[in-house]
Amino acid sequence: MIMKNPSACLIVIGNEILSGRTQDKNISFIATGLNEIGINLSEVRIIPDVEQTIVDTVKSCSSAFDYVFTTGGIGPTHDDITSNSIAKAFNVALSRNKEAENILLNHYGAENLNTARLKMAEIPEGSKLIYNPVSAAPGFIIENVYVMAGVPRVMQAMFDNIKGELKGGAKTLSKTISIYTTEGFIAEGLTKIQNEFPDVEIGSYPFIKNQRLGTSLVCRSTDTERLEICHSKLRIFLQTFSTELDDE
């Protein structure tokens, strides 16, 4: 019997994402990294820099998922309210973390460590720091919530620092078949195969290539044998429509 992999939710925090001013580049990186260690990114929520929204979302997701990751809102400016909001979500105080302060002091020097930068050393009590080799200011872990920066290069460095301590399950494997036909022709048979293999996720993705309509079918599972059987049955089914198939 295959055990269910741990679940995760990513909370993207930032008005700049919702306004379209900034395009998020973190979702794909985190999803790929989690998949490599057998953690399923089950949901992504994009929320504004609004304290009560952050509090409610973090509390809800912390209860619903094994892991919660947040990006954004831990910098030095007035709209960086993530740390304070998460402290309220867990009903703990936000206070100056001595280790975080020393990290910032070593990075900026005493002459440049102003009040705004010291804000980045204010961490919810009881948290463990996530080290940041790029710009020094740390993220933190409180219970099952991992709080990271929104800047992609910084977030990636933080994620790489915590990745080794995350406990996952079996890696999700995938196999893809592409066919030059539209979904409407294959939908009924595809449903039958999906019902036969409930333990294999089958995704259908239309595409246009060389001015031709096609569909890519992606099978995903942690069970190698079931994945291979499902993929083979899918291939046999698709050959009734076309012998021009591309495997990935």
Protein backbone atom coordinates (compact mmCIF):
# COMPACT_ATOMS: atom_id res chain seq x y z
CA MET A 1 0.00 0.00 0.00
CA ILE A 2 1.39 3.39 -1.01
CA MET A 3 1.33 5.99 1.73
CA LYS A 4 -0.09 9.39 0.95
CA ASN A 5 2.55 12.08 0.56
CA PRO A 6 2.56 15.12 2.88
CA SER A 7 0.55 18.08 1.65
CA ALA A 8 1.67 21.69 1.33
CA CYS A 9 0.15 25.08 0.66
CA LEU A 10 1.95 28.16 -0.62
CA ILE A 11 0.69 31.57 0.44
CA VAL A 12 1.96 34.36 -1.83
CA ILE A 13 1.63 37.65 0.02
CA GLY A 14 1.77 40.97 -1.82
CA ASN A 15 -0.37 43.68 -3.39
CA GLU A 16 2.19 43.93 -6.19
CA ILE A 17 1.36 40.37 -7.31
CA LEU A 18 -2.39 40.98 -7.29
CA SER A 19 -2.05 44.27 -9.17
CA GLY A 20 -0.04 42.62 -11.95
CA ARG A 21 2.92 44.93 -11.37
CA THR A 22 5.10 41.98 -10.36
CA GLN A 23 4.90 38.50 -11.86
CA ASP A 24 5.35 35.69 -9.36
CA LYS A 25 8.35 33.48 -10.10
CA ASN A 26 8.33 31.49 -6.89
CA ILE A 27 5.42 29.09 -7.37
CA SER A 28 7.11 26.92 -9.99
CA PHE A 29 10.39 26.79 -8.06
CA ILE A 30 8.73 25.72 -4.82
CA ALA A 31 6.41 23.22 -6.55
CA THR A 32 9.36 21.59 -8.31
CA GLY A 33 11.47 21.51 -5.16
CA LEU A 34 8.70 19.96 -3.10
CA ASN A 35 7.96 17.35 -5.76
CA GLU A 36 11.61 16.29 -5.69
CA ILE A 37 11.28 15.29 -2.04
CA GLY A 38 7.78 13.83 -2.20
CA ILE A 39 5.66 16.69 -0.85
CA ASN A 40 2.55 17.59 -2.84
CA LEU A 41 1.90 21.29 -3.35
CA SER A 42 -1.86 21.01 -3.08
CA GLU A 43 -2.87 24.65 -3.13
CA VAL A 44 -1.56 28.16 -3.79
CA ARG A 45 -3.24 31.26 -2.39
CA ILE A 46 -2.35 34.81 -3.43
CA ILE A 47 -3.42 37.36 -0.86
CA PRO A 48 -2.95 41.10 -0.25
CA ASP A 49 -0.87 42.89 2.38
CA VAL A 50 -3.84 43.03 4.74
CA GLU A 51 -3.21 41.96 8.32
CA GLN A 52 -6.48 40.16 9.01
CA THR A 53 -6.35 38.36 5.66
CA ILE A 54 -2.84 37.11 6.43
CA VAL A 55 -3.84 36.06 9.96
CA ASP A 56 -6.93 34.17 8.80
CA THR A 57 -5.22 32.53 5.83
CA VAL A 58 -2.20 31.35 7.82
CA LYS A 59 -4.36 29.94 10.61
CA SER A 60 -6.62 28.12 8.15
CA CYS A 61 -3.80 26.69 6.05
CA SER A 62 -1.69 25.68 9.06
CA SER A 63 -4.57 23.48 10.22
CA ALA A 64 -5.36 22.06 6.80
CA PHE A 65 -1.90 21.20 5.42
CA ASP A 66 1.22 19.42 6.66
CA TYR A 67 3.44 22.27 5.46
CA VAL A 68 2.71 25.93 4.77
CA PHE A 69 5.13 28.22 2.94
CA THR A 70 4.74 31.97 2.64
CA THR A 71 6.60 34.39 0.39
CA GLY A 72 6.70 38.17 0.65
CA GLY A 73 6.28 40.90 3.21
CA ILE A 74 9.29 40.46 5.50
CA GLY A 75 11.37 43.43 4.36
CA PRO A 76 12.07 46.81 6.05
CA THR A 77 9.24 48.98 4.70
CA HIS A 78 5.87 49.95 6.17
CA ASP A 79 3.92 47.51 4.02
CA ASP A 80 6.02 44.52 5.12
CA ILE A 81 3.56 43.20 7.69
CA THR A 82 3.91 39.44 7.31
CA SER A 83 5.98 38.81 10.45
CA ASN A 84 3.66 40.78 12.70
CA SER A 85 0.57 39.17 11.14
CA ILE A 86 1.92 35.65 11.59
CA ALA A 87 2.78 36.40 15.21
CA LYS A 88 -0.87 37.35 15.69
CA ALA A 89 -2.01 34.20 13.87
CA PHE A 90 -0.19 32.08 16.46
CA ASN A 91 -0.96 34.42 19.36
CA VAL A 92 2.69 35.06 20.22
CA ALA A 93 4.67 38.25 20.67
CA LEU A 94 6.78 39.81 17.94
CA SER A 95 10.13 40.73 19.45
CA ARG A 96 13.71 41.56 18.53
CA ASN A 97 15.54 38.30 17.85
CA LYS A 98 19.14 38.62 19.07
CA GLU A 99 20.56 36.16 16.56
CA ALA A 100 18.78 37.91 13.69
CA GLU A 101 20.02 41.27 14.96
CA ASN A 102 23.61 40.03 15.04
CA ILE A 103 23.27 38.69 11.50
CA LEU A 104 22.10 42.11 10.29
CA LEU A 105 24.81 43.88 12.30
CA ASN A 106 27.52 41.76 10.70
CA HIS A 107 26.05 42.31 7.26
CA TYR A 108 25.36 46.05 7.33
CA GLY A 109 27.73 47.27 10.01
CA ALA A 110 26.65 49.33 13.01
CA GLU A 111 26.73 52.60 11.06
CA ASN A 112 24.22 51.32 8.48
CA LEU A 113 21.91 49.28 10.71
CA ASN A 114 19.07 51.76 10.98
CA THR A 115 15.59 51.36 12.47
CA ALA A 116 14.06 50.19 9.21
CA ARG A 117 16.61 47.40 8.78
CA LEU A 118 16.30 46.37 12.41
CA LYS A 119 12.64 45.71 11.68
CA MET A 120 13.82 42.61 9.82
CA ALA A 121 15.13 41.21 13.12
CA GLU A 122 11.65 41.29 14.65
CA ILE A 123 10.57 37.65 14.69
CA PRO A 124 7.59 35.87 16.33
CA GLU A 125 8.73 34.38 19.63
CA GLY A 126 9.48 30.66 19.52
CA SER A 127 10.47 30.74 15.85
CA LYS A 128 13.54 29.16 14.27
CA LEU A 129 15.46 31.27 11.77
CA ILE A 130 15.79 30.45 8.08
CA TYR A 131 19.22 31.69 7.01
CA ASN A 132 19.62 33.95 4.02
CA PRO A 133 23.07 33.89 2.37
CA VAL A 134 22.03 36.43 -0.28
CA SER A 135 20.91 39.53 1.65
CA ALA A 136 21.31 38.37 5.27
CA ALA A 137 17.82 39.20 6.62
CA PRO A 138 16.45 35.81 7.76
CA GLY A 139 13.09 34.18 7.35
CA PHE A 140 11.67 31.99 10.07
CA ILE A 141 9.77 28.82 10.91
CA ILE A 142 6.91 28.76 13.39
CA GLU A 143 5.11 25.44 13.91
CA ASN A 144 4.51 24.13 10.35
CA VAL A 145 4.75 27.54 8.65
CA TYR A 146 7.91 28.52 6.74
CA VAL A 147 8.14 32.26 6.14
CA MET A 148 10.41 33.40 3.30
CA ALA A 149 11.22 36.48 1.26
CA GLY A 150 9.38 37.33 -1.94
CA VAL A 151 12.43 38.25 -4.03
CA PRO A 152 13.03 35.07 -6.08
CA ARG A 153 16.82 34.87 -5.64
CA VAL A 154 16.52 35.34 -1.90
CA MET A 155 13.56 32.97 -1.57
CA GLN A 156 15.41 30.27 -3.50
CA ALA A 157 18.42 30.52 -1.19
CA MET A 158 16.14 30.30 1.84
CA PHE A 159 14.27 27.33 0.41
CA ASP A 160 17.52 25.50 -0.34
CA ASN A 161 18.48 25.98 3.32
CA ILE A 162 15.32 24.31 4.62
CA LYS A 163 14.79 21.71 1.91
CA GLY A 164 16.97 19.12 3.61
CA GLU A 165 14.90 19.14 6.81
CA LEU A 166 11.52 18.68 5.10
CA LYS A 167 10.12 15.18 5.40
CA GLY A 168 8.50 13.96 2.23
CA GLY A 169 7.29 10.71 0.76
CA ALA A 170 7.69 9.04 -2.61
CA LYS A 171 8.62 11.27 -5.53
CA THR A 172 5.82 11.87 -8.01
CA LEU A 173 6.81 10.60 -11.45
CA SER A 174 5.26 11.62 -14.76
CA LYS A 175 4.96 10.44 -18.35
CA THR A 176 3.56 12.54 -21.20
CA ILE A 177 1.98 11.65 -24.53
CA SER A 178 1.12 14.31 -27.11
CA ILE A 179 -1.30 13.74 -29.95
CA TYR A 180 -2.60 15.92 -32.77
CA THR A 181 -6.27 15.74 -31.93
CA THR A 182 -8.60 17.81 -29.80
CA GLU A 183 -9.89 16.95 -26.34
CA GLY A 184 -13.45 16.48 -27.51
CA PHE A 185 -12.56 13.37 -29.51
CA ILE A 186 -10.73 11.62 -26.67
CA ALA A 187 -12.62 12.84 -23.59
CA GLU A 188 -14.95 9.86 -23.18
CA GLY A 189 -12.25 7.22 -23.47
CA LEU A 190 -9.94 9.27 -21.30
CA THR A 191 -12.54 9.32 -18.54
CA LYS A 192 -12.79 5.52 -18.63
CA ILE A 193 -9.01 5.16 -18.26
CA GLN A 194 -8.94 7.66 -15.40
CA ASN A 195 -11.69 5.71 -13.62
CA GLU A 196 -9.66 2.53 -14.06
CA PHE A 197 -6.58 4.19 -12.56
CA PRO A 198 -7.76 6.39 -9.67
CA ASP A 199 -4.23 6.29 -8.22
CA VAL A 200 -2.79 7.93 -11.36
CA GLU A 201 -3.55 11.58 -12.05
CA ILE A 202 -4.21 12.19 -15.74
CA GLY A 203 -4.10 15.80 -16.92
CA SER A 204 -5.21 16.98 -20.35
CA TYR A 205 -3.60 20.10 -21.84
CA PRO A 206 -4.51 21.49 -25.30
CA PHE A 207 -1.79 23.06 -27.45
CA ILE A 208 -1.21 24.58 -30.89
CA LYS A 209 1.99 23.64 -32.70
CA ASN A 210 2.83 24.33 -36.33
CA GLN A 211 -0.74 25.63 -36.73
CA ARG A 212 -2.11 22.24 -35.68
CA LEU A 213 -4.35 21.56 -32.68
CA GLY A 214 -3.21 18.91 -30.27
CA THR A 215 -3.49 17.60 -26.72
CA SER A 216 -0.79 16.65 -24.26
CA LEU A 217 -1.78 14.02 -21.71
CA VAL A 218 0.29 13.86 -18.54
CA CYS A 219 0.12 10.85 -16.20
CA ARG A 220 1.45 11.40 -12.67
CA SER A 221 1.86 8.89 -9.84
CA THR A 222 4.22 7.80 -7.07
CA ASP A 223 3.74 4.15 -8.15
CA THR A 224 6.10 3.37 -11.03
CA GLU A 225 4.34 0.16 -12.06
CA ARG A 226 0.86 1.67 -12.10
CA LEU A 227 2.17 4.68 -14.00
CA GLU A 228 3.68 2.45 -16.71
CA ILE A 229 0.50 0.36 -17.06
CA CYS A 230 -1.69 3.44 -17.26
CA HIS A 231 0.61 5.08 -19.79
CA SER A 232 0.58 1.95 -21.96
CA LYS A 233 -3.22 1.72 -21.94
CA LEU A 234 -3.45 5.40 -22.76
CA ARG A 235 -1.07 4.98 -25.67
CA ILE A 236 -3.08 2.04 -27.08
CA PHE A 237 -6.27 4.08 -26.79
CA LEU A 238 -4.76 7.12 -28.52
CA GLN A 239 -3.46 5.02 -31.40
CA THR A 240 -7.07 4.52 -32.47
CA PHE A 241 -7.10 8.22 -33.35
CA SER A 242 -3.56 8.69 -34.67
CA THR A 243 -0.25 6.89 -34.88
CA GLU A 244 1.52 10.24 -34.69
CA LEU A 245 2.26 10.26 -30.97
CA ASP A 246 5.08 11.96 -29.09
CA ASP A 247 6.29 10.52 -25.77
CA GLU A 248 8.12 12.50 -23.10
